[in-house]
């Protein structure tokens, strides 16, 4: 019995160390990312502010709502589960949303974002917020929802980058895309530390592995 107890204690200690290592690595990456995000808030835009296509305008409006969606969902989950990755990544999402707002202002596009947390102008984004917060009914499910949100962002950002030739928009979107790569790494790493392997729902397994590796 004593040997069994020692074995269980050792396994628990190993699991806790793995989880803590995952969170520590995430914290280090997030610190670097937030520094890069902050630079976005002061960068000067130089492109023609009157030359956007409707596709580019619609893309900016969509990304403003999507970044708010991510931030609001992570804030909700942090309040519910108090897991540090949610508050760290929420800070980054706020910076990303503000960067898109700067572009909207620069190009004279009205801001679609509502000030109230969890409320959205886009009915599809509102329905997605409602579904995702409901789906995160355990800590592990909430972390998986986080990974899904980053998949969702990655797919949309890749599409929007391909649809624009505007240098300022490409610069901001590329920063957001790199952030989403970091975020999905963080969520899948913490899930792995809890013994859960994340299965992608939008990206292929190969695409996800390319990002993680």
N, C-alpha and C. Protein backbone atom coordinates (compact mmCIF):
# COMPACT_ATOMS: atom_id res chain seq x y z
N UNK A 1 0.84 -1.21 0.00
CA UNK A 1 0.00 0.00 0.00
C UNK A 1 0.87 1.26 0.00
N UNK A 2 1.94 1.22 0.82
CA UNK A 2 2.82 2.39 0.89
C UNK A 2 3.47 2.64 -0.45
N UNK A 3 3.90 1.56 -1.13
CA UNK A 3 4.53 1.70 -2.45
C UNK A 3 3.54 2.29 -3.46
N UNK A 4 2.28 1.83 -3.39
CA UNK A 4 1.25 2.35 -4.28
C UNK A 4 1.03 3.83 -4.05
N UNK A 5 0.98 4.24 -2.79
CA UNK A 5 0.78 5.66 -2.46
C UNK A 5 1.93 6.51 -2.98
N UNK A 6 3.15 5.99 -2.85
CA UNK A 6 4.31 6.73 -3.34
C UNK A 6 4.27 6.86 -4.86
N UNK A 7 3.83 5.78 -5.53
CA UNK A 7 3.72 5.82 -6.99
C UNK A 7 2.68 6.86 -7.44
N UNK A 8 1.51 6.85 -6.78
CA UNK A 8 0.46 7.81 -7.11
C UNK A 8 0.91 9.24 -6.87
N UNK A 9 1.64 9.44 -5.75
CA UNK A 9 2.14 10.78 -5.44
C UNK A 9 3.13 11.24 -6.49
N UNK A 10 3.99 10.31 -6.94
CA UNK A 10 4.98 10.66 -7.96
C UNK A 10 4.30 11.01 -9.28
N UNK A 11 3.27 10.23 -9.65
CA UNK A 11 2.55 10.51 -10.89
C UNK A 11 1.83 11.85 -10.82
N UNK A 12 1.23 12.17 -9.67
CA UNK A 12 0.56 13.45 -9.50
C UNK A 12 1.56 14.59 -9.60
N UNK A 13 2.73 14.41 -8.97
CA UNK A 13 3.76 15.44 -9.02
C UNK A 13 4.22 15.66 -10.46
N UNK A 14 4.38 14.58 -11.23
CA UNK A 14 4.80 14.70 -12.63
C UNK A 14 3.75 15.44 -13.45
N UNK A 15 2.48 15.11 -13.22
CA UNK A 15 1.40 15.77 -13.95
C UNK A 15 1.36 17.26 -13.66
N UNK A 16 1.53 17.60 -12.39
CA UNK A 16 1.52 19.02 -12.01
C UNK A 16 2.71 19.75 -12.61
N UNK A 17 3.89 19.10 -12.63
CA UNK A 17 5.07 19.73 -13.23
C UNK A 17 4.85 19.96 -14.71
N UNK A 18 4.25 18.98 -15.42
CA UNK A 18 3.99 19.13 -16.85
C UNK A 18 3.04 20.28 -17.11
N UNK A 19 2.00 20.38 -16.30
CA UNK A 19 1.02 21.46 -16.45
C UNK A 19 1.67 22.81 -16.19
N UNK A 20 2.48 22.88 -15.14
CA UNK A 20 3.15 24.15 -14.80
C UNK A 20 4.14 24.54 -15.88
N UNK A 21 4.87 23.55 -16.45
CA UNK A 21 5.80 23.84 -17.53
C UNK A 21 5.06 24.40 -18.74
N UNK A 22 3.89 23.83 -19.03
CA UNK A 22 3.09 24.30 -20.17
C UNK A 22 2.66 25.75 -19.97
N UNK A 23 2.21 26.05 -18.75
CA UNK A 23 1.76 27.41 -18.46
C UNK A 23 2.92 28.39 -18.49
N UNK A 24 4.09 27.96 -17.95
CA UNK A 24 5.26 28.84 -17.95
C UNK A 24 5.70 29.17 -19.36
N UNK A 25 5.71 28.16 -20.25
CA UNK A 25 6.08 28.40 -21.64
C UNK A 25 5.09 29.35 -22.31
N UNK A 26 3.81 29.17 -22.01
CA UNK A 26 2.78 30.05 -22.56
C UNK A 26 2.97 31.48 -22.08
N UNK A 27 3.27 31.64 -20.79
CA UNK A 27 3.49 32.99 -20.24
C UNK A 27 4.64 33.69 -20.96
N UNK A 28 5.72 32.95 -21.22
CA UNK A 28 6.89 33.54 -21.88
C UNK A 28 6.54 33.99 -23.29
N UNK A 29 5.83 33.15 -24.03
CA UNK A 29 5.42 33.50 -25.40
C UNK A 29 4.47 34.69 -25.40
N UNK A 30 3.55 34.72 -24.45
CA UNK A 30 2.57 35.79 -24.40
C UNK A 30 3.24 37.12 -24.06
N UNK A 31 4.25 37.10 -23.21
CA UNK A 31 4.96 38.34 -22.86
C UNK A 31 5.60 38.94 -24.10
N UNK A 32 6.22 38.10 -24.93
CA UNK A 32 6.83 38.56 -26.17
C UNK A 32 5.78 39.06 -27.15
N UNK A 33 4.66 38.35 -27.23
CA UNK A 33 3.60 38.74 -28.16
C UNK A 33 2.96 40.06 -27.78
N UNK A 34 2.72 40.26 -26.49
CA UNK A 34 2.10 41.51 -26.05
C UNK A 34 2.98 42.71 -26.36
N UNK A 35 4.30 42.49 -26.28
CA UNK A 35 5.22 43.58 -26.63
C UNK A 35 5.07 43.94 -28.11
N UNK A 36 4.95 42.92 -28.97
CA UNK A 36 4.76 43.17 -30.40
C UNK A 36 3.40 43.81 -30.65
N UNK A 37 2.37 43.35 -29.92
CA UNK A 37 1.03 43.91 -30.08
C UNK A 37 1.00 45.39 -29.72
N UNK A 38 1.72 45.76 -28.69
CA UNK A 38 1.74 47.15 -28.25
C UNK A 38 2.35 48.05 -29.31
N UNK A 39 3.33 47.52 -30.07
CA UNK A 39 3.92 48.31 -31.15
C UNK A 39 2.89 48.61 -32.24
N UNK A 40 1.94 47.69 -32.42
CA UNK A 40 0.89 47.91 -33.41
C UNK A 40 0.04 49.13 -33.09
N UNK A 41 -0.07 49.44 -31.80
CA UNK A 41 -0.94 50.55 -31.39
C UNK A 41 -0.35 51.91 -31.73
N UNK A 42 0.95 51.95 -32.07
CA UNK A 42 1.59 53.23 -32.37
C UNK A 42 2.12 53.31 -33.80
N UNK A 43 2.05 52.22 -34.54
CA UNK A 43 2.54 52.24 -35.92
C UNK A 43 1.72 53.18 -36.78
N UNK A 44 2.39 53.90 -37.67
CA UNK A 44 1.69 54.82 -38.56
C UNK A 44 1.27 54.08 -39.83
N UNK A 45 0.05 54.32 -40.26
CA UNK A 45 -0.44 53.76 -41.51
C UNK A 45 -0.13 54.73 -42.64
N UNK A 46 0.25 54.19 -43.79
CA UNK A 46 0.70 55.05 -44.89
C UNK A 46 -0.04 54.82 -46.20
N UNK A 47 -0.94 53.85 -46.23
CA UNK A 47 -1.64 53.55 -47.49
C UNK A 47 -2.73 54.58 -47.77
N UNK A 48 -3.23 54.57 -49.00
CA UNK A 48 -4.30 55.47 -49.40
C UNK A 48 -5.57 55.13 -48.61
N UNK A 49 -6.03 56.06 -47.81
CA UNK A 49 -7.17 55.79 -46.93
C UNK A 49 -8.51 55.79 -47.66
N UNK A 50 -8.50 56.07 -48.96
CA UNK A 50 -9.76 56.13 -49.71
C UNK A 50 -9.88 55.03 -50.77
N UNK A 51 -8.95 54.07 -50.76
CA UNK A 51 -8.86 53.14 -51.89
C UNK A 51 -9.31 51.72 -51.59
N UNK A 52 -10.00 51.49 -50.47
CA UNK A 52 -10.38 50.13 -50.11
C UNK A 52 -11.53 49.60 -50.95
N UNK A 53 -11.47 48.31 -51.25
CA UNK A 53 -12.59 47.64 -51.90
C UNK A 53 -13.63 47.30 -50.84
N UNK A 54 -14.83 46.94 -51.29
CA UNK A 54 -15.87 46.54 -50.34
C UNK A 54 -15.48 45.25 -49.61
N UNK A 55 -14.77 44.37 -50.29
CA UNK A 55 -14.31 43.13 -49.65
C UNK A 55 -13.36 43.45 -48.50
N UNK A 56 -12.47 44.41 -48.72
CA UNK A 56 -11.52 44.80 -47.67
C UNK A 56 -12.24 45.47 -46.51
N UNK A 57 -13.22 46.31 -46.82
CA UNK A 57 -13.98 46.97 -45.77
C UNK A 57 -14.77 45.95 -44.93
N UNK A 58 -15.41 45.01 -45.64
CA UNK A 58 -16.19 43.98 -44.94
C UNK A 58 -15.27 43.11 -44.08
N UNK A 59 -14.07 42.86 -44.58
CA UNK A 59 -13.11 42.05 -43.82
C UNK A 59 -12.71 42.71 -42.52
N UNK A 60 -12.48 44.01 -42.55
CA UNK A 60 -12.11 44.74 -41.33
C UNK A 60 -13.25 44.72 -40.32
N UNK A 61 -14.45 44.89 -40.80
CA UNK A 61 -15.62 44.86 -39.90
C UNK A 61 -15.75 43.49 -39.25
N UNK A 62 -15.56 42.44 -40.06
CA UNK A 62 -15.65 41.08 -39.54
C UNK A 62 -14.56 40.83 -38.48
N UNK A 63 -13.32 41.24 -38.78
CA UNK A 63 -12.24 40.95 -37.84
C UNK A 63 -12.37 41.73 -36.55
N UNK A 64 -12.93 42.92 -36.60
CA UNK A 64 -13.19 43.67 -35.37
C UNK A 64 -14.14 42.88 -34.46
N UNK A 65 -15.18 42.30 -35.04
CA UNK A 65 -16.13 41.51 -34.26
C UNK A 65 -15.51 40.18 -33.82
N UNK A 66 -14.72 39.55 -34.69
CA UNK A 66 -14.11 38.26 -34.33
C UNK A 66 -13.11 38.41 -33.19
N UNK A 67 -12.32 39.47 -33.22
CA UNK A 67 -11.35 39.67 -32.15
C UNK A 67 -12.05 39.98 -30.83
N UNK A 68 -13.15 40.73 -30.90
CA UNK A 68 -13.94 40.97 -29.68
C UNK A 68 -14.55 39.67 -29.19
N UNK A 69 -15.04 38.84 -30.11
CA UNK A 69 -15.58 37.54 -29.73
C UNK A 69 -14.56 36.75 -28.93
N UNK A 70 -13.34 36.64 -29.45
CA UNK A 70 -12.31 35.87 -28.75
C UNK A 70 -12.05 36.44 -27.37
N UNK A 71 -11.86 37.74 -27.29
CA UNK A 71 -11.58 38.36 -26.00
C UNK A 71 -12.70 38.17 -25.00
N UNK A 72 -13.95 38.31 -25.46
CA UNK A 72 -15.10 38.18 -24.56
C UNK A 72 -15.27 36.74 -24.07
N UNK A 73 -15.06 35.78 -24.97
CA UNK A 73 -15.17 34.37 -24.57
C UNK A 73 -14.08 34.03 -23.55
N UNK A 74 -12.86 34.50 -23.79
CA UNK A 74 -11.77 34.18 -22.87
C UNK A 74 -11.97 34.85 -21.51
N UNK A 75 -12.50 36.05 -21.52
CA UNK A 75 -12.81 36.72 -20.25
C UNK A 75 -13.88 35.95 -19.48
N UNK A 76 -14.86 35.45 -20.20
CA UNK A 76 -15.93 34.65 -19.57
C UNK A 76 -15.35 33.38 -18.95
N UNK A 77 -14.48 32.70 -19.69
CA UNK A 77 -13.91 31.45 -19.18
C UNK A 77 -12.93 31.70 -18.03
N UNK A 78 -12.21 32.81 -18.08
CA UNK A 78 -11.30 33.09 -16.97
C UNK A 78 -12.08 33.32 -15.68
N UNK A 79 -13.19 34.04 -15.78
CA UNK A 79 -14.02 34.28 -14.61
C UNK A 79 -14.60 32.95 -14.07
N UNK A 80 -14.85 32.02 -14.97
CA UNK A 80 -15.46 30.75 -14.57
C UNK A 80 -14.44 29.74 -14.04
N UNK A 81 -13.24 29.71 -14.66
CA UNK A 81 -12.27 28.65 -14.32
C UNK A 81 -10.95 29.17 -13.75
N UNK A 82 -10.69 30.47 -13.87
CA UNK A 82 -9.47 31.08 -13.33
C UNK A 82 -8.20 30.42 -13.87
N UNK A 83 -8.21 30.03 -15.15
CA UNK A 83 -7.02 29.47 -15.78
C UNK A 83 -6.24 30.59 -16.44
N UNK A 84 -4.94 30.67 -16.11
CA UNK A 84 -4.14 31.81 -16.53
C UNK A 84 -4.09 32.01 -18.05
N UNK A 85 -4.04 30.94 -18.87
CA UNK A 85 -4.00 31.20 -20.32
C UNK A 85 -5.15 32.06 -20.82
N UNK A 86 -6.32 31.95 -20.19
CA UNK A 86 -7.45 32.76 -20.66
C UNK A 86 -7.23 34.25 -20.42
N UNK A 87 -6.69 34.61 -19.28
CA UNK A 87 -6.48 36.04 -19.03
C UNK A 87 -5.31 36.57 -19.85
N UNK A 88 -4.25 35.75 -20.03
CA UNK A 88 -3.11 36.18 -20.84
C UNK A 88 -3.52 36.41 -22.29
N UNK A 89 -4.25 35.45 -22.85
CA UNK A 89 -4.63 35.55 -24.26
C UNK A 89 -5.72 36.61 -24.45
N UNK A 90 -6.56 36.80 -23.45
CA UNK A 90 -7.55 37.89 -23.52
C UNK A 90 -6.86 39.24 -23.70
N UNK A 91 -5.76 39.45 -22.97
CA UNK A 91 -5.03 40.72 -23.10
C UNK A 91 -4.56 40.93 -24.53
N UNK A 92 -4.08 39.85 -25.15
CA UNK A 92 -3.63 39.94 -26.54
C UNK A 92 -4.79 40.23 -27.48
N UNK A 93 -5.94 39.59 -27.24
CA UNK A 93 -7.10 39.81 -28.11
C UNK A 93 -7.59 41.26 -28.03
N UNK A 94 -7.51 41.85 -26.85
CA UNK A 94 -7.89 43.25 -26.71
C UNK A 94 -6.98 44.13 -27.56
N UNK A 95 -5.67 43.83 -27.54
CA UNK A 95 -4.72 44.58 -28.37
C UNK A 95 -5.03 44.38 -29.85
N UNK A 96 -5.36 43.15 -30.24
CA UNK A 96 -5.68 42.87 -31.64
C UNK A 96 -6.93 43.62 -32.08
N UNK A 97 -7.94 43.59 -31.23
CA UNK A 97 -9.18 44.29 -31.55
C UNK A 97 -8.93 45.79 -31.70
N UNK A 98 -8.09 46.34 -30.83
CA UNK A 98 -7.76 47.76 -30.91
C UNK A 98 -6.98 48.08 -32.18
N UNK A 99 -6.13 47.15 -32.61
CA UNK A 99 -5.37 47.37 -33.85
C UNK A 99 -6.32 47.43 -35.05
N UNK A 100 -7.32 46.55 -35.06
CA UNK A 100 -8.31 46.59 -36.15
C UNK A 100 -9.14 47.87 -36.06
N UNK A 101 -9.45 48.31 -34.85
CA UNK A 101 -10.17 49.57 -34.68
C UNK A 101 -9.38 50.74 -35.25
N UNK A 102 -8.07 50.73 -35.05
CA UNK A 102 -7.23 51.80 -35.62
C UNK A 102 -7.36 51.82 -37.14
N UNK A 103 -7.40 50.63 -37.75
CA UNK A 103 -7.57 50.57 -39.20
C UNK A 103 -8.95 51.08 -39.62
N UNK A 104 -9.98 50.70 -38.88
CA UNK A 104 -11.33 51.18 -39.19
C UNK A 104 -11.36 52.71 -39.13
N UNK A 105 -10.77 53.26 -38.11
CA UNK A 105 -10.74 54.73 -37.96
C UNK A 105 -9.97 55.38 -39.09
N UNK A 106 -8.82 54.80 -39.43
CA UNK A 106 -7.97 55.34 -40.49
C UNK A 106 -8.71 55.37 -41.83
N UNK A 107 -9.48 54.32 -42.10
CA UNK A 107 -10.19 54.23 -43.37
C UNK A 107 -11.60 54.81 -43.31
N UNK A 108 -11.98 55.39 -42.18
CA UNK A 108 -13.27 56.06 -42.07
C UNK A 108 -14.45 55.10 -42.05
N UNK A 109 -14.24 53.92 -41.49
CA UNK A 109 -15.30 52.90 -41.43
C UNK A 109 -15.91 52.90 -40.03
N UNK A 110 -17.23 53.00 -39.90
CA UNK A 110 -17.85 52.99 -38.57
C UNK A 110 -17.53 51.69 -37.82
N UNK A 111 -17.28 51.84 -36.53
CA UNK A 111 -16.95 50.69 -35.69
C UNK A 111 -18.20 49.88 -35.39
N UNK A 112 -18.22 48.57 -35.73
CA UNK A 112 -19.40 47.76 -35.48
C UNK A 112 -19.47 47.23 -34.04
N UNK A 113 -18.36 47.31 -33.31
CA UNK A 113 -18.29 46.64 -32.00
C UNK A 113 -19.15 47.35 -30.96
N UNK A 114 -19.89 46.56 -30.20
CA UNK A 114 -20.68 47.07 -29.08
C UNK A 114 -19.82 47.07 -27.82
N UNK A 115 -20.07 48.01 -26.93
CA UNK A 115 -19.23 48.12 -25.73
C UNK A 115 -19.53 47.02 -24.71
N UNK A 116 -20.75 46.51 -24.70
CA UNK A 116 -21.13 45.51 -23.71
C UNK A 116 -20.47 44.17 -23.99
N UNK A 117 -19.89 43.57 -22.98
CA UNK A 117 -19.26 42.26 -23.11
C UNK A 117 -20.28 41.21 -23.50
N UNK A 118 -19.93 40.39 -24.49
CA UNK A 118 -20.82 39.31 -24.92
C UNK A 118 -21.92 39.74 -25.86
N UNK A 119 -21.89 40.98 -26.33
CA UNK A 119 -22.91 41.49 -27.25
C UNK A 119 -22.25 41.92 -28.55
N UNK A 120 -22.89 41.56 -29.69
CA UNK A 120 -22.28 41.78 -31.00
C UNK A 120 -23.30 42.29 -32.01
N UNK A 121 -22.85 43.12 -32.93
CA UNK A 121 -23.72 43.63 -33.99
C UNK A 121 -24.04 42.54 -35.00
N UNK A 122 -23.06 41.70 -35.28
CA UNK A 122 -23.23 40.63 -36.25
C UNK A 122 -24.00 39.47 -35.61
N UNK A 123 -25.19 39.14 -36.12
CA UNK A 123 -25.99 38.07 -35.48
C UNK A 123 -25.31 36.71 -35.52
N UNK A 124 -24.51 36.45 -36.56
CA UNK A 124 -23.80 35.17 -36.63
C UNK A 124 -22.72 35.09 -35.54
N UNK A 125 -22.03 36.20 -35.30
CA UNK A 125 -21.02 36.24 -34.24
C UNK A 125 -21.70 36.12 -32.88
N UNK A 126 -22.87 36.75 -32.73
CA UNK A 126 -23.61 36.64 -31.47
C UNK A 126 -24.00 35.19 -31.19
N UNK A 127 -24.51 34.51 -32.23
CA UNK A 127 -24.89 33.10 -32.06
C UNK A 127 -23.69 32.24 -31.74
N UNK A 128 -22.55 32.55 -32.35
CA UNK A 128 -21.33 31.78 -32.08
C UNK A 128 -20.87 32.00 -30.65
N UNK A 129 -20.91 33.24 -30.18
CA UNK A 129 -20.54 33.52 -28.78
C UNK A 129 -21.42 32.71 -27.82
N UNK A 130 -22.71 32.72 -28.06
CA UNK A 130 -23.64 32.00 -27.19
C UNK A 130 -23.33 30.51 -27.17
N UNK A 131 -23.03 29.94 -28.34
CA UNK A 131 -22.75 28.52 -28.44
C UNK A 131 -21.43 28.17 -27.75
N UNK A 132 -20.39 28.97 -28.01
CA UNK A 132 -19.07 28.65 -27.50
C UNK A 132 -19.01 28.75 -25.98
N UNK A 133 -19.64 29.76 -25.41
CA UNK A 133 -19.63 29.87 -23.95
C UNK A 133 -20.42 28.73 -23.31
N UNK A 134 -21.46 28.26 -24.01
CA UNK A 134 -22.21 27.10 -23.49
C UNK A 134 -21.41 25.82 -23.63
N UNK A 135 -20.65 25.70 -24.72
CA UNK A 135 -19.87 24.48 -24.96
C UNK A 135 -18.74 24.32 -23.94
N UNK A 136 -18.26 25.41 -23.39
CA UNK A 136 -17.14 25.34 -22.45
C UNK A 136 -17.61 25.01 -21.05
N UNK A 137 -18.32 23.89 -20.90
CA UNK A 137 -18.94 23.56 -19.62
C UNK A 137 -18.02 22.83 -18.65
N UNK A 138 -16.78 22.56 -19.08
CA UNK A 138 -15.72 22.09 -18.19
C UNK A 138 -14.46 22.86 -18.55
N UNK A 139 -13.46 22.81 -17.69
CA UNK A 139 -12.22 23.51 -17.98
C UNK A 139 -11.58 22.99 -19.27
N UNK A 140 -11.59 21.67 -19.45
CA UNK A 140 -10.99 21.09 -20.65
C UNK A 140 -11.77 21.49 -21.89
N UNK A 141 -13.10 21.48 -21.81
CA UNK A 141 -13.91 21.90 -22.95
C UNK A 141 -13.69 23.38 -23.27
N UNK A 142 -13.52 24.19 -22.24
CA UNK A 142 -13.26 25.62 -22.45
C UNK A 142 -11.93 25.82 -23.17
N UNK A 143 -10.91 25.08 -22.78
CA UNK A 143 -9.61 25.17 -23.46
C UNK A 143 -9.74 24.72 -24.92
N UNK A 144 -10.54 23.68 -25.16
CA UNK A 144 -10.77 23.22 -26.54
C UNK A 144 -11.53 24.27 -27.34
N UNK A 145 -12.47 24.96 -26.71
CA UNK A 145 -13.17 26.07 -27.37
C UNK A 145 -12.16 27.15 -27.76
N UNK A 146 -11.22 27.43 -26.86
CA UNK A 146 -10.18 28.41 -27.17
C UNK A 146 -9.39 28.02 -28.41
N UNK A 147 -9.00 26.75 -28.49
CA UNK A 147 -8.26 26.28 -29.66
C UNK A 147 -9.12 26.40 -30.93
N UNK A 148 -10.42 26.10 -30.81
CA UNK A 148 -11.31 26.22 -31.96
C UNK A 148 -11.41 27.68 -32.43
N UNK A 149 -11.53 28.60 -31.49
CA UNK A 149 -11.61 30.02 -31.86
C UNK A 149 -10.37 30.44 -32.65
N UNK A 150 -9.21 29.95 -32.22
CA UNK A 150 -7.98 30.31 -32.93
C UNK A 150 -7.95 29.68 -34.31
N UNK A 151 -8.44 28.46 -34.45
CA UNK A 151 -8.60 27.86 -35.78
C UNK A 151 -9.47 28.74 -36.67
N UNK A 152 -10.59 29.17 -36.12
CA UNK A 152 -11.56 30.00 -36.83
C UNK A 152 -10.89 31.29 -37.30
N UNK A 153 -10.12 31.92 -36.41
CA UNK A 153 -9.42 33.15 -36.76
C UNK A 153 -8.36 32.90 -37.84
N UNK A 154 -7.60 31.81 -37.68
CA UNK A 154 -6.55 31.50 -38.64
C UNK A 154 -7.12 31.34 -40.04
N UNK A 155 -8.22 30.60 -40.15
CA UNK A 155 -8.84 30.38 -41.46
C UNK A 155 -9.30 31.69 -42.08
N UNK A 156 -9.95 32.53 -41.28
CA UNK A 156 -10.45 33.81 -41.81
C UNK A 156 -9.31 34.76 -42.15
N UNK A 157 -8.30 34.81 -41.30
CA UNK A 157 -7.18 35.73 -41.56
C UNK A 157 -6.40 35.33 -42.80
N UNK A 158 -6.18 34.05 -42.99
CA UNK A 158 -5.50 33.60 -44.21
C UNK A 158 -6.28 34.02 -45.45
N UNK A 159 -7.60 33.87 -45.39
CA UNK A 159 -8.46 34.27 -46.52
C UNK A 159 -8.40 35.77 -46.76
N UNK A 160 -8.49 36.55 -45.68
CA UNK A 160 -8.50 38.00 -45.82
C UNK A 160 -7.16 38.55 -46.28
N UNK A 161 -6.07 37.94 -45.84
CA UNK A 161 -4.74 38.36 -46.30
C UNK A 161 -4.62 38.13 -47.81
N UNK A 162 -5.16 37.01 -48.28
CA UNK A 162 -5.10 36.70 -49.71
C UNK A 162 -5.97 37.65 -50.54
N UNK A 163 -6.96 38.27 -49.91
CA UNK A 163 -7.91 39.12 -50.64
C UNK A 163 -7.52 40.59 -50.67
N UNK A 164 -6.42 40.97 -50.01
CA UNK A 164 -6.05 42.38 -49.97
C UNK A 164 -4.62 42.59 -50.47
N UNK A 165 -4.41 43.74 -51.09
CA UNK A 165 -3.06 44.18 -51.46
C UNK A 165 -2.63 45.38 -50.62
N UNK A 166 -3.49 45.79 -49.67
CA UNK A 166 -3.20 46.96 -48.86
C UNK A 166 -2.12 46.61 -47.83
N UNK A 167 -1.02 47.36 -47.84
CA UNK A 167 0.13 47.04 -46.98
C UNK A 167 -0.20 47.16 -45.50
N UNK A 168 -0.97 48.18 -45.13
CA UNK A 168 -1.31 48.37 -43.72
C UNK A 168 -2.20 47.24 -43.20
N UNK A 169 -3.18 46.86 -44.01
CA UNK A 169 -4.07 45.77 -43.60
C UNK A 169 -3.29 44.46 -43.51
N UNK A 170 -2.43 44.21 -44.50
CA UNK A 170 -1.62 42.99 -44.47
C UNK A 170 -0.74 42.95 -43.22
N UNK A 171 -0.16 44.09 -42.86
CA UNK A 171 0.71 44.14 -41.69
C UNK A 171 -0.06 43.77 -40.42
N UNK A 172 -1.24 44.36 -40.25
CA UNK A 172 -2.03 44.09 -39.04
C UNK A 172 -2.54 42.65 -39.06
N UNK A 173 -3.07 42.21 -40.18
CA UNK A 173 -3.59 40.84 -40.26
C UNK A 173 -2.49 39.80 -40.01
N UNK A 174 -1.30 40.06 -40.54
CA UNK A 174 -0.20 39.12 -40.33
C UNK A 174 0.17 39.04 -38.85
N UNK A 175 0.15 40.19 -38.17
CA UNK A 175 0.41 40.19 -36.73
C UNK A 175 -0.66 39.38 -36.00
N UNK A 176 -1.92 39.58 -36.38
CA UNK A 176 -3.01 38.83 -35.76
C UNK A 176 -2.88 37.33 -36.03
N UNK A 177 -2.47 36.99 -37.26
CA UNK A 177 -2.32 35.58 -37.61
C UNK A 177 -1.21 34.93 -36.78
N UNK A 178 -0.09 35.62 -36.65
CA UNK A 178 0.98 35.09 -35.81
C UNK A 178 0.53 34.94 -34.36
N UNK A 179 -0.29 35.87 -33.90
CA UNK A 179 -0.84 35.76 -32.55
C UNK A 179 -1.71 34.52 -32.41
N UNK A 180 -2.55 34.26 -33.43
CA UNK A 180 -3.41 33.08 -33.37
C UNK A 180 -2.59 31.79 -33.39
N UNK A 181 -1.47 31.80 -34.12
CA UNK A 181 -0.58 30.63 -34.08
C UNK A 181 -0.08 30.40 -32.64
N UNK A 182 0.34 31.48 -31.98
CA UNK A 182 0.81 31.35 -30.60
C UNK A 182 -0.31 30.87 -29.68
N UNK A 183 -1.51 31.40 -29.89
CA UNK A 183 -2.63 31.07 -29.00
C UNK A 183 -3.05 29.61 -29.12
N UNK A 184 -3.10 29.11 -30.37
CA UNK A 184 -3.51 27.71 -30.52
C UNK A 184 -2.43 26.78 -29.96
N UNK A 185 -1.18 27.19 -30.07
CA UNK A 185 -0.11 26.42 -29.42
C UNK A 185 -0.33 26.38 -27.91
N UNK A 186 -0.68 27.53 -27.35
CA UNK A 186 -0.86 27.61 -25.89
C UNK A 186 -2.01 26.72 -25.44
N UNK A 187 -3.15 26.81 -26.13
CA UNK A 187 -4.31 26.02 -25.71
C UNK A 187 -4.05 24.52 -25.86
N UNK A 188 -3.45 24.12 -26.99
CA UNK A 188 -3.20 22.69 -27.18
C UNK A 188 -2.15 22.18 -26.20
N UNK A 189 -1.18 23.02 -25.86
CA UNK A 189 -0.15 22.63 -24.90
C UNK A 189 -0.74 22.41 -23.51
N UNK A 190 -1.60 23.32 -23.09
CA UNK A 190 -2.22 23.18 -21.77
C UNK A 190 -3.17 21.98 -21.75
N UNK A 191 -3.89 21.76 -22.85
CA UNK A 191 -4.74 20.57 -22.93
C UNK A 191 -3.89 19.30 -22.83
N UNK A 192 -2.76 19.29 -23.53
CA UNK A 192 -1.89 18.11 -23.47
C UNK A 192 -1.39 17.87 -22.05
N UNK A 193 -1.11 18.96 -21.33
CA UNK A 193 -0.69 18.82 -19.94
C UNK A 193 -1.77 18.23 -19.06
N UNK A 194 -3.03 18.31 -19.53
CA UNK A 194 -4.15 17.71 -18.81
C UNK A 194 -4.55 16.36 -19.39
N UNK A 195 -3.70 15.84 -20.29
CA UNK A 195 -3.96 14.53 -20.86
C UNK A 195 -4.94 14.51 -22.01
N UNK A 196 -5.19 15.68 -22.63
CA UNK A 196 -6.18 15.78 -23.72
C UNK A 196 -5.46 16.17 -25.02
N UNK A 197 -5.70 15.42 -26.07
CA UNK A 197 -5.17 15.74 -27.40
C UNK A 197 -6.25 16.46 -28.19
N UNK A 198 -5.94 17.68 -28.64
CA UNK A 198 -6.93 18.47 -29.37
C UNK A 198 -7.03 18.01 -30.82
N UNK A 199 -8.24 17.81 -31.30
CA UNK A 199 -8.50 17.44 -32.69
C UNK A 199 -9.03 18.66 -33.43
N UNK A 200 -8.34 19.12 -34.49
CA UNK A 200 -8.79 20.32 -35.20
C UNK A 200 -10.14 20.11 -35.87
N UNK A 201 -10.91 21.19 -35.97
CA UNK A 201 -12.24 21.13 -36.57
C UNK A 201 -12.34 21.90 -37.89
N UNK A 202 -11.41 22.83 -38.11
CA UNK A 202 -11.40 23.62 -39.34
C UNK A 202 -10.13 23.35 -40.14
N UNK A 203 -8.99 23.46 -39.49
CA UNK A 203 -7.72 23.12 -40.11
C UNK A 203 -7.61 21.61 -40.26
N UNK A 204 -6.75 21.18 -41.19
CA UNK A 204 -6.44 19.76 -41.26
C UNK A 204 -5.46 19.41 -40.14
N UNK A 205 -5.34 18.13 -39.86
CA UNK A 205 -4.38 17.69 -38.85
C UNK A 205 -2.97 18.10 -39.27
N UNK A 206 -2.68 18.00 -40.56
CA UNK A 206 -1.36 18.38 -41.06
C UNK A 206 -1.09 19.88 -40.86
N UNK A 207 -2.11 20.70 -41.13
CA UNK A 207 -1.94 22.15 -40.94
C UNK A 207 -1.70 22.48 -39.47
N UNK A 208 -2.45 21.83 -38.59
CA UNK A 208 -2.26 22.09 -37.17
C UNK A 208 -0.88 21.64 -36.73
N UNK A 209 -0.45 20.48 -37.18
CA UNK A 209 0.88 20.00 -36.79
C UNK A 209 1.98 20.93 -37.30
N UNK A 210 1.81 21.49 -38.49
CA UNK A 210 2.77 22.45 -39.01
C UNK A 210 2.89 23.66 -38.09
N UNK A 211 1.75 24.13 -37.59
CA UNK A 211 1.74 25.28 -36.67
C UNK A 211 2.39 24.91 -35.35
N UNK A 212 2.03 23.76 -34.80
CA UNK A 212 2.54 23.35 -33.50
C UNK A 212 4.03 23.05 -33.53
N UNK A 213 4.52 22.62 -34.68
CA UNK A 213 5.93 22.23 -34.79
C UNK A 213 6.82 23.34 -35.32
